N, C-alpha and C. Protein backbone atom coordinates (compact mmCIF):
# COMPACT_ATOMS: atom_id res chain seq x y z
N UNK A 1 0.84 -1.16 0.00
CA UNK A 1 0.00 0.00 0.00
C UNK A 1 0.90 1.24 0.00
N UNK A 2 0.56 2.22 -0.82
CA UNK A 2 1.33 3.45 -0.95
C UNK A 2 0.47 4.60 -0.43
N UNK A 3 1.06 5.47 0.36
CA UNK A 3 0.34 6.66 0.82
C UNK A 3 0.97 7.88 0.17
N UNK A 4 0.14 8.70 -0.44
CA UNK A 4 0.57 9.91 -1.12
C UNK A 4 0.01 11.09 -0.35
N UNK A 5 0.83 12.10 -0.08
CA UNK A 5 0.37 13.27 0.67
C UNK A 5 0.34 14.50 -0.24
N UNK A 6 -0.59 15.37 0.03
CA UNK A 6 -0.64 16.64 -0.66
C UNK A 6 -1.14 17.70 0.31
N UNK A 7 -0.81 18.92 0.05
CA UNK A 7 -1.27 20.04 0.88
C UNK A 7 -2.35 20.76 0.11
N UNK A 8 -3.54 20.80 0.63
CA UNK A 8 -4.68 21.37 -0.09
C UNK A 8 -5.02 22.76 0.42
N UNK A 9 -5.53 23.60 -0.47
CA UNK A 9 -6.01 24.92 -0.07
C UNK A 9 -7.34 24.78 0.67
N UNK A 10 -8.17 23.86 0.20
CA UNK A 10 -9.46 23.64 0.83
C UNK A 10 -9.53 22.17 1.27
N UNK A 11 -9.73 21.95 2.52
CA UNK A 11 -9.78 20.59 3.04
C UNK A 11 -11.16 19.98 2.79
N UNK A 12 -11.19 18.66 2.62
CA UNK A 12 -12.45 17.98 2.35
C UNK A 12 -13.29 17.83 3.62
N UNK A 13 -12.69 17.31 4.70
CA UNK A 13 -13.47 17.08 5.91
C UNK A 13 -12.92 17.84 7.11
N UNK A 14 -11.69 17.58 7.47
CA UNK A 14 -11.12 18.11 8.69
C UNK A 14 -10.31 19.37 8.39
N UNK A 15 -10.88 20.55 8.65
CA UNK A 15 -10.20 21.80 8.33
C UNK A 15 -8.99 22.04 9.22
N UNK A 16 -8.85 21.34 10.33
CA UNK A 16 -7.70 21.49 11.21
C UNK A 16 -6.53 20.62 10.78
N UNK A 17 -6.73 19.71 9.87
CA UNK A 17 -5.68 18.81 9.41
C UNK A 17 -4.91 19.48 8.29
N UNK A 18 -3.59 19.65 8.44
CA UNK A 18 -2.79 20.34 7.45
C UNK A 18 -2.59 19.50 6.18
N UNK A 19 -2.44 18.20 6.33
CA UNK A 19 -2.20 17.33 5.18
C UNK A 19 -3.31 16.29 5.06
N UNK A 20 -3.76 16.10 3.85
CA UNK A 20 -4.67 15.00 3.56
C UNK A 20 -3.84 13.92 2.89
N UNK A 21 -4.27 12.70 2.95
CA UNK A 21 -3.51 11.63 2.33
C UNK A 21 -4.34 10.82 1.36
N UNK A 22 -3.66 10.10 0.51
CA UNK A 22 -4.29 9.18 -0.43
C UNK A 22 -3.77 7.79 -0.16
N UNK A 23 -4.61 6.80 -0.44
CA UNK A 23 -4.22 5.40 -0.34
C UNK A 23 -4.39 4.77 -1.70
N UNK A 24 -3.34 4.09 -2.19
CA UNK A 24 -3.38 3.42 -3.49
C UNK A 24 -3.69 1.96 -3.28
N UNK A 25 -4.61 1.42 -4.06
CA UNK A 25 -4.89 -0.02 -4.03
C UNK A 25 -4.58 -0.62 -5.39
N UNK A 26 -3.86 -1.72 -5.38
CA UNK A 26 -3.48 -2.37 -6.63
C UNK A 26 -4.65 -3.02 -7.34
N UNK A 27 -5.67 -3.46 -6.60
CA UNK A 27 -6.81 -4.15 -7.21
C UNK A 27 -7.50 -3.30 -8.27
N UNK A 28 -7.78 -2.04 -7.95
CA UNK A 28 -8.46 -1.18 -8.92
C UNK A 28 -7.56 -0.07 -9.47
N UNK A 29 -6.28 -0.07 -9.07
CA UNK A 29 -5.28 0.89 -9.55
C UNK A 29 -5.74 2.33 -9.34
N UNK A 30 -6.27 2.61 -8.15
CA UNK A 30 -6.82 3.93 -7.87
C UNK A 30 -6.25 4.50 -6.58
N UNK A 31 -6.17 5.83 -6.53
CA UNK A 31 -5.84 6.55 -5.31
C UNK A 31 -7.14 7.06 -4.72
N UNK A 32 -7.40 6.70 -3.46
CA UNK A 32 -8.59 7.18 -2.76
C UNK A 32 -8.16 8.14 -1.66
N UNK A 33 -9.01 9.12 -1.39
CA UNK A 33 -8.77 10.05 -0.31
C UNK A 33 -8.83 9.27 1.01
N UNK A 34 -7.81 9.42 1.83
CA UNK A 34 -7.71 8.64 3.07
C UNK A 34 -8.85 8.93 4.04
N UNK A 35 -9.26 10.20 4.14
CA UNK A 35 -10.29 10.57 5.09
C UNK A 35 -11.71 10.30 4.60
N UNK A 36 -11.89 10.10 3.30
CA UNK A 36 -13.21 9.80 2.74
C UNK A 36 -12.99 8.98 1.47
N UNK A 37 -13.05 7.66 1.59
CA UNK A 37 -12.69 6.77 0.48
C UNK A 37 -13.71 6.77 -0.67
N UNK A 38 -14.75 7.56 -0.57
CA UNK A 38 -15.67 7.67 -1.70
C UNK A 38 -15.13 8.64 -2.76
N UNK A 39 -14.06 9.38 -2.41
CA UNK A 39 -13.42 10.30 -3.36
C UNK A 39 -12.16 9.68 -3.94
N UNK A 40 -12.00 9.82 -5.25
CA UNK A 40 -10.86 9.30 -5.98
C UNK A 40 -10.05 10.45 -6.57
N UNK A 41 -8.76 10.22 -6.74
CA UNK A 41 -7.92 11.16 -7.46
C UNK A 41 -8.02 10.81 -8.94
N UNK A 42 -8.40 11.78 -9.75
CA UNK A 42 -8.60 11.53 -11.18
C UNK A 42 -8.04 12.70 -11.99
N UNK A 43 -7.79 12.45 -13.25
CA UNK A 43 -7.43 13.52 -14.17
C UNK A 43 -8.69 13.95 -14.90
N UNK A 44 -8.69 15.18 -15.38
CA UNK A 44 -9.84 15.64 -16.16
C UNK A 44 -9.73 15.07 -17.58
N UNK A 45 -10.81 15.09 -18.30
CA UNK A 45 -10.79 14.54 -19.66
C UNK A 45 -10.16 15.51 -20.66
N UNK A 46 -10.09 16.80 -20.31
CA UNK A 46 -9.51 17.77 -21.24
C UNK A 46 -8.00 17.89 -21.02
N UNK A 47 -7.29 18.13 -22.09
CA UNK A 47 -5.84 18.33 -22.00
C UNK A 47 -5.54 19.81 -22.21
N UNK A 48 -4.42 20.24 -21.62
CA UNK A 48 -3.98 21.62 -21.76
C UNK A 48 -2.56 21.62 -22.28
N UNK A 49 -2.23 22.60 -23.09
CA UNK A 49 -0.88 22.70 -23.65
C UNK A 49 0.11 23.03 -22.54
N UNK A 50 1.25 22.34 -22.56
CA UNK A 50 2.32 22.57 -21.58
C UNK A 50 3.65 22.50 -22.33
N UNK A 51 3.95 23.56 -23.04
CA UNK A 51 5.15 23.55 -23.89
C UNK A 51 4.96 22.60 -25.05
N UNK A 52 5.91 21.69 -25.24
CA UNK A 52 5.77 20.70 -26.30
C UNK A 52 4.99 19.47 -25.84
N UNK A 53 4.52 19.48 -24.61
CA UNK A 53 3.75 18.39 -24.01
C UNK A 53 2.31 18.83 -23.79
N UNK A 54 1.53 17.94 -23.24
CA UNK A 54 0.19 18.30 -22.76
C UNK A 54 0.08 17.87 -21.30
N UNK A 55 -0.84 18.50 -20.58
CA UNK A 55 -1.06 18.15 -19.19
C UNK A 55 -2.56 18.04 -18.95
N UNK A 56 -2.90 17.35 -17.88
CA UNK A 56 -4.29 17.23 -17.45
C UNK A 56 -4.38 17.62 -15.99
N UNK A 57 -5.28 18.52 -15.64
CA UNK A 57 -5.45 18.87 -14.23
C UNK A 57 -5.97 17.69 -13.42
N UNK A 58 -5.63 17.68 -12.14
CA UNK A 58 -6.11 16.65 -11.22
C UNK A 58 -7.37 17.14 -10.52
N UNK A 59 -8.21 16.20 -10.12
CA UNK A 59 -9.41 16.56 -9.39
C UNK A 59 -9.78 15.43 -8.43
N UNK A 60 -10.50 15.77 -7.39
CA UNK A 60 -11.09 14.78 -6.50
C UNK A 60 -12.51 14.58 -6.96
N UNK A 61 -12.90 13.34 -7.17
CA UNK A 61 -14.22 13.06 -7.72
C UNK A 61 -14.78 11.79 -7.11
N UNK A 62 -16.09 11.72 -6.98
CA UNK A 62 -16.69 10.49 -6.47
C UNK A 62 -16.72 9.45 -7.58
N UNK A 63 -16.60 8.21 -7.19
CA UNK A 63 -16.42 7.11 -8.14
C UNK A 63 -17.48 7.07 -9.23
N UNK A 64 -18.73 7.26 -8.88
CA UNK A 64 -19.80 7.15 -9.87
C UNK A 64 -19.88 8.34 -10.82
N UNK A 65 -19.07 9.39 -10.60
CA UNK A 65 -19.11 10.58 -11.43
C UNK A 65 -18.01 10.61 -12.50
N UNK A 66 -17.09 9.66 -12.47
CA UNK A 66 -15.93 9.74 -13.37
C UNK A 66 -15.83 8.52 -14.28
N UNK A 67 -15.23 8.76 -15.41
CA UNK A 67 -14.90 7.67 -16.33
C UNK A 67 -13.79 6.84 -15.67
N UNK A 68 -13.94 5.53 -15.66
CA UNK A 68 -12.99 4.65 -14.97
C UNK A 68 -11.55 4.83 -15.43
N UNK A 69 -11.34 5.06 -16.71
CA UNK A 69 -9.98 5.19 -17.22
C UNK A 69 -9.28 6.44 -16.68
N UNK A 70 -10.02 7.44 -16.25
CA UNK A 70 -9.44 8.67 -15.71
C UNK A 70 -9.02 8.52 -14.25
N UNK A 71 -9.43 7.42 -13.61
CA UNK A 71 -9.11 7.18 -12.20
C UNK A 71 -8.04 6.11 -12.01
N UNK A 72 -7.56 5.50 -13.09
CA UNK A 72 -6.57 4.43 -12.98
C UNK A 72 -5.16 4.98 -13.07
N UNK A 73 -4.27 4.48 -12.22
CA UNK A 73 -2.89 4.92 -12.15
C UNK A 73 -1.96 3.72 -12.20
N UNK A 74 -0.85 3.88 -12.87
CA UNK A 74 0.18 2.84 -12.88
C UNK A 74 1.34 3.34 -12.04
N UNK A 75 1.67 2.60 -11.00
CA UNK A 75 2.76 2.97 -10.10
C UNK A 75 3.99 2.16 -10.50
N UNK A 76 5.06 2.86 -10.80
CA UNK A 76 6.30 2.21 -11.22
C UNK A 76 7.34 2.47 -10.13
N UNK A 77 7.99 1.41 -9.66
CA UNK A 77 9.05 1.59 -8.68
C UNK A 77 10.26 0.76 -9.11
N UNK A 78 11.41 1.22 -8.72
CA UNK A 78 12.64 0.52 -9.09
C UNK A 78 13.20 -0.20 -7.91
């Protein structure tokens, strides 16, 4: 299990908590919000120009609101 931390401007549940965390599960290849597992880390469907590359903004979204392919992550470790 991998835990990913981020510092948010707006907290989801606990406004006194400085860091929220994510938990990655290999079964569905998804990052879920640690404090509320109904929220997933997903990319948006639109791409934005980033120099010679493209980028996609990240968002927290409930599982039934997102396309499954936008919530899947591949974790590579050496």
